[in-house]
Amino acid sequence: MRMTGNTKKTAKKKKKDRWGNRIAIVGITLVVFCLGVVVNVRIASMEKKDQEYQEREALLQQQYDRELNRAEDLKDYEVYVQTKQYIEEVAKQKLGLVKPDEILLKPSPK
């Protein structure tokens, strides 16, 4: 069987088309693989950030709870400061005042 010039060109063109198709498939596969790698890297990065944000949220919640307790303690202290007992304690400690019926004993200097 003899090939004419036209069939030779057609055979070469088919070979070129096959190589072109293979290269296109390899190129598309490479692009999809690269996209998969990029997506996996981004997912890992996002998971790490999520973990950091959860730790930060827990820390901030602890600080918030401590501040709520502190605010409650300050309210209790505010009520105590307005009592007669507190006023008497301050008068004794800072001003050195005593009640009229109290006897103050001081150690004698040697």
PDB file of N, CA and C in Angstrom:
ATOM      1  N   MET A   1       0.820  -1.165   0.000  1.00  0.00           N
ATOM      2  CA  MET A   1       0.000   0.000   0.000  1.00  0.00           C
ATOM      3  C   MET A   1       0.868   1.233   0.000  1.00  0.00           C
ATOM      4  N   ARG A   2       0.521   2.075  -0.803  1.00  0.00           N
ATOM      5  CA  ARG A   2       1.290   3.272  -1.020  1.00  0.00           C
ATOM      6  C   ARG A   2       0.568   4.486  -0.465  1.00  0.00           C
ATOM      7  N   MET A   3       1.350   5.342   0.184  1.00  0.00           N
ATOM      8  CA  MET A   3       0.729   6.544   0.730  1.00  0.00           C
ATOM      9  C   MET A   3       0.933   7.697  -0.217  1.00  0.00           C
ATOM     10  N   THR A   4      -0.095   8.378  -0.372  1.00  0.00           N
ATOM     11  CA  THR A   4       0.012   9.553  -1.212  1.00  0.00           C
ATOM     12  C   THR A   4       0.448  10.713  -0.357  1.00  0.00           C
ATOM     13  N   GLY A   5       0.770  11.787  -0.930  1.00  0.00           N
ATOM     14  CA  GLY A   5       1.237  12.971  -0.215  1.00  0.00           C
ATOM     15  C   GLY A   5       0.181  13.514   0.732  1.00  0.00           C
ATOM     16  N   ASN A   6      -1.052  13.376   0.339  1.00  0.00           N
ATOM     17  CA  ASN A   6      -2.149  13.888   1.145  1.00  0.00           C
ATOM     18  C   ASN A   6      -2.332  13.070   2.420  1.00  0.00           C
ATOM     19  N   THR A   7      -2.208  11.762   2.324  1.00  0.00           N
ATOM     20  CA  THR A   7      -2.365  10.910   3.501  1.00  0.00           C
ATOM     21  C   THR A   7      -1.191  11.057   4.441  1.00  0.00           C
ATOM     22  N   LYS A   8       0.002  11.331   3.921  1.00  0.00           N
ATOM     23  CA  LYS A   8       1.161  11.560   4.791  1.00  0.00           C
ATOM     24  C   LYS A   8       0.941  12.813   5.641  1.00  0.00           C
ATOM     25  N   LYS A   9       0.423  13.826   5.011  1.00  0.00           N
ATOM     26  CA  LYS A   9       0.157  15.064   5.742  1.00  0.00           C
ATOM     27  C   LYS A   9      -0.907  14.840   6.811  1.00  0.00           C
ATOM     28  N   THR A  10      -1.887  14.051   6.478  1.00  0.00           N
ATOM     29  CA  THR A  10      -2.955  13.779   7.435  1.00  0.00           C
ATOM     30  C   THR A  10      -2.416  12.979   8.611  1.00  0.00           C
ATOM     31  N   ALA A  11      -1.544  12.006   8.358  1.00  0.00           N
ATOM     32  CA  ALA A  11      -0.961  11.192   9.424  1.00  0.00           C
ATOM     33  C   ALA A  11      -0.087  12.059  10.346  1.00  0.00           C
ATOM     34  N   LYS A  12       0.701  12.957   9.761  1.00  0.00           N
ATOM     35  CA  LYS A  12       1.538  13.844  10.566  1.00  0.00           C
ATOM     36  C   LYS A  12       0.663  14.789  11.404  1.00  0.00           C
ATOM     37  N   LYS A  13      -0.403  15.262  10.786  1.00  0.00           N
ATOM     38  CA  LYS A  13      -1.287  16.180  11.491  1.00  0.00           C
ATOM     39  C   LYS A  13      -1.954  15.472  12.670  1.00  0.00           C
ATOM     40  N   LYS A  14      -2.334  14.214  12.498  1.00  0.00           N
ATOM     41  CA  LYS A  14      -2.940  13.451  13.581  1.00  0.00           C
ATOM     42  C   LYS A  14      -1.935  13.245  14.718  1.00  0.00           C
ATOM     43  N   LYS A  15      -0.677  12.964  14.372  1.00  0.00           N
ATOM     44  CA  LYS A  15       0.361  12.799  15.391  1.00  0.00           C
ATOM     45  C   LYS A  15       0.555  14.102  16.162  1.00  0.00           C
ATOM     46  N   LYS A  16       0.592  15.216  15.433  1.00  0.00           N
ATOM     47  CA  LYS A  16       0.743  16.520  16.090  1.00  0.00           C
ATOM     48  C   LYS A  16      -0.448  16.796  16.996  1.00  0.00           C
ATOM     49  N   ASP A  17      -1.624  16.455  16.527  1.00  0.00           N
ATOM     50  CA  ASP A  17      -2.828  16.675  17.336  1.00  0.00           C
ATOM     51  C   ASP A  17      -2.783  15.834  18.611  1.00  0.00           C
ATOM     52  N   ARG A  18      -2.308  14.585  18.510  1.00  0.00           N
ATOM     53  CA  ARG A  18      -2.204  13.728  19.694  1.00  0.00           C
ATOM     54  C   ARG A  18      -1.234  14.325  20.705  1.00  0.00           C
ATOM     55  N   TRP A  19      -0.070  14.764  20.220  1.00  0.00           N
ATOM     56  CA  TRP A  19       0.905  15.387  21.120  1.00  0.00           C
ATOM     57  C   TRP A  19       0.342  16.671  21.724  1.00  0.00           C
ATOM     58  N   GLY A  20      -0.331  17.431  20.924  1.00  0.00           N
ATOM     59  CA  GLY A  20      -0.944  18.662  21.421  1.00  0.00           C
ATOM     60  C   GLY A  20      -1.983  18.359  22.482  1.00  0.00           C
ATOM     61  N   ASN A  21      -2.781  17.312  22.263  1.00  0.00           N
ATOM     62  CA  ASN A  21      -3.785  16.935  23.249  1.00  0.00           C
ATOM     63  C   ASN A  21      -3.121  16.448  24.545  1.00  0.00           C
ATOM     64  N   ARG A  22      -2.068  15.670  24.402  1.00  0.00           N
ATOM     65  CA  ARG A  22      -1.366  15.164  25.587  1.00  0.00           C
ATOM     66  C   ARG A  22      -0.744  16.309  26.382  1.00  0.00           C
ATOM     67  N   ILE A  23      -0.144  17.226  25.683  1.00  0.00           N
ATOM     68  CA  ILE A  23       0.469  18.387  26.352  1.00  0.00           C
ATOM     69  C   ILE A  23      -0.610  19.207  27.047  1.00  0.00           C
ATOM     70  N   ALA A  24      -1.755  19.382  26.389  1.00  0.00           N
ATOM     71  CA  ALA A  24      -2.858  20.134  26.986  1.00  0.00           C
ATOM     72  C   ALA A  24      -3.354  19.425  28.246  1.00  0.00           C
ATOM     73  N   ILE A  25      -3.492  18.108  28.194  1.00  0.00           N
ATOM     74  CA  ILE A  25      -3.957  17.346  29.357  1.00  0.00           C
ATOM     75  C   ILE A  25      -2.938  17.443  30.491  1.00  0.00           C
ATOM     76  N   VAL A  26      -1.663  17.313  30.173  1.00  0.00           N
ATOM     77  CA  VAL A  26      -0.619  17.446  31.190  1.00  0.00           C
ATOM     78  C   VAL A  26      -0.642  18.855  31.774  1.00  0.00           C
ATOM     79  N   GLY A  27      -0.804  19.853  30.944  1.00  0.00           N
ATOM     80  CA  GLY A  27      -0.852  21.245  31.421  1.00  0.00           C
ATOM     81  C   GLY A  27      -2.039  21.470  32.345  1.00  0.00           C
ATOM     82  N   ILE A  28      -3.201  20.973  31.944  1.00  0.00           N
ATOM     83  CA  ILE A  28      -4.401  21.135  32.773  1.00  0.00           C
ATOM     84  C   ILE A  28      -4.232  20.387  34.090  1.00  0.00           C
ATOM     85  N   THR A  29      -3.671  19.183  34.028  1.00  0.00           N
ATOM     86  CA  THR A  29      -3.428  18.407  35.247  1.00  0.00           C
ATOM     87  C   THR A  29      -2.477  19.152  36.177  1.00  0.00           C
ATOM     88  N   LEU A  30      -1.444  19.737  35.611  1.00  0.00           N
ATOM     89  CA  LEU A  30      -0.479  20.496  36.409  1.00  0.00           C
ATOM     90  C   LEU A  30      -1.148  21.704  37.072  1.00  0.00           C
ATOM     91  N   VAL A  31      -1.982  22.408  36.328  1.00  0.00           N
ATOM     92  CA  VAL A  31      -2.687  23.573  36.878  1.00  0.00           C
ATOM     93  C   VAL A  31      -3.615  23.136  38.015  1.00  0.00           C
ATOM     94  N   VAL A  32      -4.363  22.037  37.812  1.00  0.00           N
ATOM     95  CA  VAL A  32      -5.273  21.555  38.853  1.00  0.00           C
ATOM     96  C   VAL A  32      -4.473  21.123  40.084  1.00  0.00           C
ATOM     97  N   PHE A  33      -3.361  20.460  39.889  1.00  0.00           N
ATOM     98  CA  PHE A  33      -2.502  20.045  41.002  1.00  0.00           C
ATOM     99  C   PHE A  33      -1.998  21.263  41.779  1.00  0.00           C
ATOM    100  N   CYS A  34      -1.539  22.275  41.055  1.00  0.00           N
ATOM    101  CA  CYS A  34      -1.049  23.498  41.709  1.00  0.00           C
ATOM    102  C   CYS A  34      -2.166  24.168  42.507  1.00  0.00           C
ATOM    103  N   LEU A  35      -3.351  24.227  41.936  1.00  0.00           N
ATOM    104  CA  LEU A  35      -4.487  24.817  42.652  1.00  0.00           C
ATOM    105  C   LEU A  35      -4.795  24.009  43.916  1.00  0.00           C
ATOM    106  N   GLY A  36      -4.713  22.694  43.808  1.00  0.00           N
ATOM    107  CA  GLY A  36      -4.937  21.846  44.982  1.00  0.00           C
ATOM    108  C   GLY A  36      -3.923  22.121  46.074  1.00  0.00           C
ATOM    109  N   VAL A  37      -2.664  22.279  45.701  1.00  0.00           N
ATOM    110  CA  VAL A  37      -1.613  22.580  46.677  1.00  0.00           C
ATOM    111  C   VAL A  37      -1.873  23.936  47.334  1.00  0.00           C
ATOM    112  N   VAL A  38      -2.205  24.927  46.537  1.00  0.00           N
ATOM    113  CA  VAL A  38      -2.466  26.265  47.078  1.00  0.00           C
ATOM    114  C   VAL A  38      -3.652  26.224  48.034  1.00  0.00           C
ATOM    115  N   VAL A  39      -4.709  25.514  47.665  1.00  0.00           N
ATOM    116  CA  VAL A  39      -5.887  25.423  48.527  1.00  0.00           C
ATOM    117  C   VAL A  39      -5.526  24.729  49.839  1.00  0.00           C
ATOM    118  N   ASN A  40      -4.747  23.663  49.780  1.00  0.00           N
ATOM    119  CA  ASN A  40      -4.351  22.965  51.008  1.00  0.00           C
ATOM    120  C   ASN A  40      -3.498  23.842  51.907  1.00  0.00           C
ATOM    121  N   VAL A  41      -2.605  24.615  51.327  1.00  0.00           N
ATOM    122  CA  VAL A  41      -1.768  25.520  52.117  1.00  0.00           C
ATOM    123  C   VAL A  41      -2.638  26.583  52.791  1.00  0.00           C
ATOM    124  N   ARG A  42      -3.587  27.120  52.046  1.00  0.00           N
ATOM    125  CA  ARG A  42      -4.476  28.150  52.606  1.00  0.00           C
ATOM    126  C   ARG A  42      -5.352  27.567  53.720  1.00  0.00           C
ATOM    127  N   ILE A  43      -5.822  26.342  53.527  1.00  0.00           N
ATOM    128  CA  ILE A  43      -6.639  25.703  54.561  1.00  0.00           C
ATOM    129  C   ILE A  43      -5.823  25.518  55.835  1.00  0.00           C
ATOM    130  N   ALA A  44      -4.593  25.057  55.703  1.00  0.00           N
ATOM    131  CA  ALA A  44      -3.730  24.878  56.871  1.00  0.00           C
ATOM    132  C   ALA A  44      -3.496  26.222  57.574  1.00  0.00           C
ATOM    133  N   SER A  45      -3.275  27.256  56.790  1.00  0.00           N
ATOM    134  CA  SER A  45      -3.051  28.587  57.353  1.00  0.00           C
ATOM    135  C   SER A  45      -4.301  29.068  58.098  1.00  0.00           C
ATOM    136  N   MET A  46      -5.456  28.850  57.504  1.00  0.00           N
ATOM    137  CA  MET A  46      -6.708  29.285  58.125  1.00  0.00           C
ATOM    138  C   MET A  46      -6.984  28.493  59.406  1.00  0.00           C
ATOM    139  N   GLU A  47      -6.669  27.211  59.411  1.00  0.00           N
ATOM    140  CA  GLU A  47      -6.866  26.409  60.614  1.00  0.00           C
ATOM    141  C   GLU A  47      -5.954  26.890  61.734  1.00  0.00           C
ATOM    142  N   LYS A  48      -4.731  27.263  61.386  1.00  0.00           N
ATOM    143  CA  LYS A  48      -3.801  27.781  62.391  1.00  0.00           C
ATOM    144  C   LYS A  48      -4.325  29.101  62.965  1.00  0.00           C
ATOM    145  N   LYS A  49      -4.801  29.990  62.103  1.00  0.00           N
ATOM    146  CA  LYS A  49      -5.356  31.256  62.573  1.00  0.00           C
ATOM    147  C   LYS A  49      -6.579  31.011  63.447  1.00  0.00           C
ATOM    148  N   ASP A  50      -7.420  30.056  63.047  1.00  0.00           N
ATOM    149  CA  ASP A  50      -8.610  29.729  63.825  1.00  0.00           C
ATOM    150  C   ASP A  50      -8.214  29.264  65.223  1.00  0.00           C
ATOM    151  N   GLN A  51      -7.201  28.427  65.302  1.00  0.00           N
ATOM    152  CA  GLN A  51      -6.715  27.938  66.603  1.00  0.00           C
ATOM    153  C   GLN A  51      -6.212  29.110  67.450  1.00  0.00           C
ATOM    154  N   GLU A  52      -5.453  30.016  66.832  1.00  0.00           N
ATOM    155  CA  GLU A  52      -4.946  31.181  67.562  1.00  0.00           C
ATOM    156  C   GLU A  52      -6.100  32.049  68.059  1.00  0.00           C
ATOM    157  N   TYR A  53      -7.110  32.231  67.212  1.00  0.00           N
ATOM    158  CA  TYR A  53      -8.263  33.046  67.616  1.00  0.00           C
ATOM    159  C   TYR A  53      -9.046  32.384  68.745  1.00  0.00           C
ATOM    160  N   GLN A  54      -9.156  31.070  68.733  1.00  0.00           N
ATOM    161  CA  GLN A  54      -9.850  30.375  69.820  1.00  0.00           C
ATOM    162  C   GLN A  54      -9.089  30.528  71.130  1.00  0.00           C
ATOM    163  N   GLU A  55      -7.748  30.428  71.076  1.00  0.00           N
ATOM    164  CA  GLU A  55      -6.942  30.623  72.281  1.00  0.00           C
ATOM    165  C   GLU A  55      -7.085  32.048  72.798  1.00  0.00           C
ATOM    166  N   ARG A  56      -7.061  33.003  71.888  1.00  0.00           N
ATOM    167  CA  ARG A  56      -7.204  34.411  72.279  1.00  0.00           C
ATOM    168  C   ARG A  56      -8.586  34.669  72.877  1.00  0.00           C
ATOM    169  N   GLU A  57      -9.605  34.057  72.284  1.00  0.00           N
ATOM    170  CA  GLU A  57     -10.958  34.222  72.803  1.00  0.00           C
ATOM    171  C   GLU A  57     -11.070  33.666  74.222  1.00  0.00           C
ATOM    172  N   ALA A  58     -10.456  32.503  74.472  1.00  0.00           N
ATOM    173  CA  ALA A  58     -10.484  31.913  75.809  1.00  0.00           C
ATOM    174  C   ALA A  58      -9.772  32.827  76.810  1.00  0.00           C
ATOM    175  N   LEU A  59      -8.622  33.378  76.402  1.00  0.00           N
ATOM    176  CA  LEU A  59      -7.878  34.287  77.273  1.00  0.00           C
ATOM    177  C   LEU A  59      -8.695  35.536  77.579  1.00  0.00           C
ATOM    178  N   LEU A  60      -9.315  36.102  76.557  1.00  0.00           N
ATOM    179  CA  LEU A  60     -10.128  37.300  76.761  1.00  0.00           C
ATOM    180  C   LEU A  60     -11.345  37.005  77.640  1.00  0.00           C
ATOM    181  N   GLN A  61     -11.924  35.816  77.507  1.00  0.00           N
ATOM    182  CA  GLN A  61     -13.056  35.435  78.350  1.00  0.00           C
ATOM    183  C   GLN A  61     -12.622  35.348  79.811  1.00  0.00           C
ATOM    184  N   GLN A  62     -11.428  34.801  80.049  1.00  0.00           N
ATOM    185  CA  GLN A  62     -10.908  34.742  81.422  1.00  0.00           C
ATOM    186  C   GLN A  62     -10.704  36.138  81.985  1.00  0.00           C
ATOM    187  N   GLN A  63     -10.129  37.021  81.182  1.00  0.00           N
ATOM    188  CA  GLN A  63      -9.923  38.401  81.633  1.00  0.00           C
ATOM    189  C   GLN A  63     -11.257  39.083  81.918  1.00  0.00           C
ATOM    190  N   TYR A  64     -12.236  38.843  81.074  1.00  0.00           N
ATOM    191  CA  TYR A  64     -13.561  39.426  81.253  1.00  0.00           C
ATOM    192  C   TYR A  64     -14.178  38.941  82.564  1.00  0.00           C
ATOM    193  N   ASP A  65     -14.075  37.640  82.838  1.00  0.00           N
ATOM    194  CA  ASP A  65     -14.623  37.086  84.079  1.00  0.00           C
ATOM    195  C   ASP A  65     -13.924  37.682  85.300  1.00  0.00           C
ATOM    196  N   ARG A  66     -12.589  37.832  85.224  1.00  0.00           N
ATOM    197  CA  ARG A  66     -11.855  38.442  86.342  1.00  0.00           C
ATOM    198  C   ARG A  66     -12.309  39.880  86.577  1.00  0.00           C
ATOM    199  N   GLU A  67     -12.511  40.607  85.482  1.00  0.00           N
ATOM    200  CA  GLU A  67     -12.933  42.008  85.623  1.00  0.00           C
ATOM    201  C   GLU A  67     -14.354  42.097  86.186  1.00  0.00           C
ATOM    202  N   LEU A  68     -15.214  41.165  85.828  1.00  0.00           N
ATOM    203  CA  LEU A  68     -16.555  41.149  86.416  1.00  0.00           C
ATOM    204  C   LEU A  68     -16.482  40.905  87.918  1.00  0.00           C
ATOM    205  N   ASN A  69     -15.626  39.967  88.329  1.00  0.00           N
ATOM    206  CA  ASN A  69     -15.442  39.705  89.760  1.00  0.00           C
ATOM    207  C   ASN A  69     -14.872  40.929  90.465  1.00  0.00           C
ATOM    208  N   ARG A  70     -13.927  41.571  89.814  1.00  0.00           N
ATOM    209  CA  ARG A  70     -13.315  42.774  90.403  1.00  0.00           C
ATOM    210  C   ARG A  70     -14.351  43.889  90.553  1.00  0.00           C
ATOM    211  N   ALA A  71     -15.201  44.051  89.546  1.00  0.00           N
ATOM    212  CA  ALA A  71     -16.246  45.078  89.613  1.00  0.00           C
ATOM    213  C   ALA A  71     -17.213  44.783  90.763  1.00  0.00           C
ATOM    214  N   GLU A  72     -17.526  43.519  90.949  1.00  0.00           N
ATOM    215  CA  GLU A  72     -18.411  43.127  92.050  1.00  0.00           C
ATOM    216  C   GLU A  72     -17.748  43.416  93.392  1.00  0.00           C
ATOM    217  N   ASP A  73     -16.454  43.090  93.498  1.00  0.00           N
ATOM    218  CA  ASP A  73     -15.720  43.374  94.732  1.00  0.00           C
ATOM    219  C   ASP A  73     -15.677  44.875  95.007  1.00  0.00           C
ATOM    220  N   LEU A  74     -15.487  45.665  93.955  1.00  0.00           N
ATOM    221  CA  LEU A  74     -15.449  47.120  94.135  1.00  0.00           C
ATOM    222  C   LEU A  74     -16.802  47.659  94.588  1.00  0.00           C
ATOM    223  N   LYS A  75     -17.879  47.088  94.099  1.00  0.00           N
ATOM    224  CA  LYS A  75     -19.209  47.521  94.558  1.00  0.00           C
ATOM    225  C   LYS A  75     -19.388  47.195  96.037  1.00  0.00           C
ATOM    226  N   ASP A  76     -18.945  45.994  96.438  1.00  0.00           N
ATOM    227  CA  ASP A  76     -19.021  45.623  97.853  1.00  0.00           C
ATOM    228  C   ASP A  76     -18.170  46.566  98.700  1.00  0.00           C
ATOM    229  N   TYR A  77     -16.970  46.892  98.214  1.00  0.00           N
ATOM    230  CA  TYR A  77     -16.079  47.798  98.937  1.00  0.00           C
ATOM    231  C   TYR A  77     -16.694  49.195  99.023  1.00  0.00           C
ATOM    232  N   GLU A  78     -17.357  49.626  97.963  1.00  0.00           N
ATOM    233  CA  GLU A  78     -18.007  50.940  97.966  1.00  0.00           C
ATOM    234  C   GLU A  78     -19.083  50.996  99.052  1.00  0.00           C
ATOM    235  N   VAL A  79     -19.825  49.930  99.202  1.00  0.00           N
ATOM    236  CA  VAL A  79     -20.837  49.882 100.260  1.00  0.00           C
ATOM    237  C   VAL A  79     -20.161  49.902 101.627  1.00  0.00           C
ATOM    238  N   TYR A  80     -19.065  49.136 101.774  1.00  0.00           N
ATOM    239  CA  TYR A  80     -18.346  49.082 103.046  1.00  0.00           C
ATOM    240  C   TYR A  80     -17.748  50.445 103.410  1.00  0.00           C
ATOM    241  N   VAL A  81     -17.233  51.161 102.434  1.00  0.00           N
ATOM    242  CA  VAL A  81     -16.616  52.467 102.685  1.00  0.00           C
ATOM    243  C   VAL A  81     -17.635  53.451 103.247  1.00  0.00           C
ATOM    244  N   GLN A  82     -18.879  53.264 102.937  1.00  0.00           N
ATOM    245  CA  GLN A  82     -19.902  54.191 103.401  1.00  0.00           C
ATOM    246  C   GLN A  82     -20.454  53.820 104.783  1.00  0.00           C
ATOM    247  N   THR A  83     -19.925  52.786 105.390  1.00  0.00           N
ATOM    248  CA  THR A  83     -20.407  52.371 106.709  1.00  0.00           C
ATOM    249  C   THR A  83     -19.665  53.119 107.825  1.00  0.00           C
ATOM    250  N   LYS A  84     -20.289  53.127 108.998  1.00  0.00           N
ATOM    251  CA  LYS A  84     -19.703  53.784 110.163  1.00  0.00           C
ATOM    252  C   LYS A  84     -18.450  53.039 110.625  1.00  0.00           C
ATOM    253  N   GLN A  85     -18.458  51.727 110.490  1.00  0.00           N
ATOM    254  CA  GLN A  85     -17.318  50.904 110.911  1.00  0.00           C
ATOM    255  C   GLN A  85     -16.056  51.307 110.139  1.00  0.00           C
ATOM    256  N   TYR A  86     -16.164  51.527 108.840  1.00  0.00           N
ATOM    257  CA  TYR A  86     -15.002  51.920 108.037  1.00  0.00           C
ATOM    258  C   TYR A  86     -14.491  53.283 108.472  1.00  0.00           C
ATOM    259  N   ILE A  87     -15.402  54.193 108.691  1.00  0.00           N
ATOM    260  CA  ILE A  87     -15.006  55.555 109.091  1.00  0.00           C
ATOM    261  C   ILE A  87     -14.240  55.503 110.412  1.00  0.00           C
ATOM    262  N   GLU A  88     -14.693  54.683 111.348  1.00  0.00           N
ATOM    263  CA  GLU A  88     -14.000  54.558 112.626  1.00  0.00           C
ATOM    264  C   GLU A  88     -12.611  53.947 112.443  1.00  0.00           C
ATOM    265  N   GLU A  89     -12.494  52.924 111.579  1.00  0.00           N
ATOM    266  CA  GLU A  89     -11.190  52.301 111.334  1.00  0.00           C
ATOM    267  C   GLU A  89     -10.197  53.302 110.757  1.00  0.00           C
ATOM    268  N   VAL A  90     -10.634  54.089 109.798  1.00  0.00           N
ATOM    269  CA  VAL A  90      -9.751  55.086 109.179  1.00  0.00           C
ATOM    270  C   VAL A  90      -9.354  56.145 110.197  1.00  0.00           C
ATOM    271  N   ALA A  91     -10.302  56.547 111.004  1.00  0.00           N
ATOM    272  CA  ALA A  91     -10.002  57.561 112.014  1.00  0.00           C
ATOM    273  C   ALA A  91      -8.958  57.046 112.999  1.00  0.00           C
ATOM    274  N   LYS A  92      -9.026  55.777 113.359  1.00  0.00           N
ATOM    275  CA  LYS A  92      -8.045  55.206 114.292  1.00  0.00           C
ATOM    276  C   LYS A  92      -6.686  55.034 113.620  1.00  0.00           C
ATOM    277  N   GLN A  93      -6.686  54.480 112.430  1.00  0.00           N
ATOM    278  CA  GLN A  93      -5.414  54.154 111.772  1.00  0.00           C
ATOM    279  C   GLN A  93      -4.681  55.387 111.266  1.00  0.00           C
ATOM    280  N   LYS A  94      -5.366  56.228 110.555  1.00  0.00           N
ATOM    281  CA  LYS A  94      -4.683  57.340 109.885  1.00  0.00           C
ATOM    282  C   LYS A  94      -4.615  58.599 110.740  1.00  0.00           C
ATOM    283  N   LEU A  95      -5.630  58.828 111.524  1.00  0.00           N
ATOM    284  CA  LEU A  95      -5.666  60.066 112.294  1.00  0.00           C
ATOM    285  C   LEU A  95      -5.297  59.863 113.770  1.00  0.00           C
ATOM    286  N   GLY A  96      -5.275  58.605 114.200  1.00  0.00           N
ATOM    287  CA  GLY A  96      -4.918  58.326 115.587  1.00  0.00           C
ATOM    288  C   GLY A  96      -6.007  58.704 116.574  1.00  0.00           C
ATOM    289  N   LEU A  97      -7.215  58.831 116.147  1.00  0.00           N
ATOM    290  CA  LEU A  97      -8.318  59.203 117.030  1.00  0.00           C
ATOM    291  C   LEU A  97      -8.820  57.976 117.788  1.00  0.00           C
ATOM    292  N   VAL A  98      -9.368  58.228 118.986  1.00  0.00           N
ATOM    293  CA  VAL A  98      -9.947  57.162 119.792  1.00  0.00           C
ATOM    294  C   VAL A  98     -11.317  57.603 120.277  1.00  0.00           C
ATOM    295  N   LYS A  99     -12.126  56.642 120.666  1.00  0.00           N
ATOM    296  CA  LYS A  99     -13.444  56.952 121.231  1.00  0.00           C
ATOM    297  C   LYS A  99     -13.249  57.465 122.653  1.00  0.00           C
ATOM    298  N   PRO A 100     -14.216  58.238 123.142  1.00  0.00           N
ATOM    299  CA  PRO A 100     -14.060  58.791 124.504  1.00  0.00           C
ATOM    300  C   PRO A 100     -13.931  57.717 125.589  1.00  0.00           C
ATOM    301  N   ASP A 101     -14.544  56.563 125.424  1.00  0.00           N
ATOM    302  CA  ASP A 101     -14.489  55.538 126.468  1.00  0.00           C
ATOM    303  C   ASP A 101     -13.350  54.532 126.273  1.00  0.00           C
ATOM    304  N   GLU A 102     -12.509  54.715 125.279  1.00  0.00           N
ATOM    305  CA  GLU A 102     -11.386  53.810 125.026  1.00  0.00           C
ATOM    306  C   GLU A 102     -10.156  54.278 125.795  1.00  0.00           C
ATOM    307  N   ILE A 103      -9.373  53.294 126.224  1.00  0.00           N
ATOM    308  CA  ILE A 103      -8.110  53.600 126.892  1.00  0.00           C
ATOM    309  C   ILE A 103      -7.002  53.181 125.935  1.00  0.00           C
ATOM    310  N   LEU A 104      -6.113  54.093 125.689  1.00  0.00           N
ATOM    311  CA  LEU A 104      -5.032  53.851 124.756  1.00  0.00           C
ATOM    312  C   LEU A 104      -3.773  53.556 125.545  1.00  0.00           C
ATOM    313  N   LEU A 105      -3.209  52.390 125.313  1.00  0.00           N
ATOM    314  CA  LEU A 105      -1.963  52.017 125.992  1.00  0.00           C
ATOM    315  C   LEU A 105      -0.830  52.115 124.998  1.00  0.00           C
ATOM    316  N   LYS A 106       0.172  52.861 125.374  1.00  0.00           N
ATOM    317  CA  LYS A 106       1.349  52.986 124.524  1.00  0.00           C
ATOM    318  C   LYS A 106       2.516  52.399 125.276  1.00  0.00           C
ATOM    319  N   PRO A 107       3.394  51.720 124.567  1.00  0.00           N
ATOM    320  CA  PRO A 107       4.587  51.193 125.251  1.00  0.00           C
ATOM    321  C   PRO A 107       5.506  52.352 125.648  1.00  0.00           C
ATOM    322  N   SER A 108       6.128  52.199 126.793  1.00  0.00           N
ATOM    323  CA  SER A 108       7.030  53.259 127.254  1.00  0.00           C
ATOM    324  C   SER A 108       8.367  53.137 126.560  1.00  0.00           C
ATOM    325  N   PRO A 109       8.956  54.260 126.209  1.00  0.00           N
ATOM    326  CA  PRO A 109      10.264  54.200 125.548  1.00  0.00           C
ATOM    327  C   PRO A 109      11.339  53.772 126.544  1.00  0.00           C
ATOM    328  N   LYS A 110      12.270  53.017 126.135  1.00  0.00           N
ATOM    329  CA  LYS A 110      13.331  52.512 127.010  1.00  0.00           C
ATOM    330  C   LYS A 110      14.527  53.395 127.011  1.00  0.00           C
TER     331      LYS A 110
END
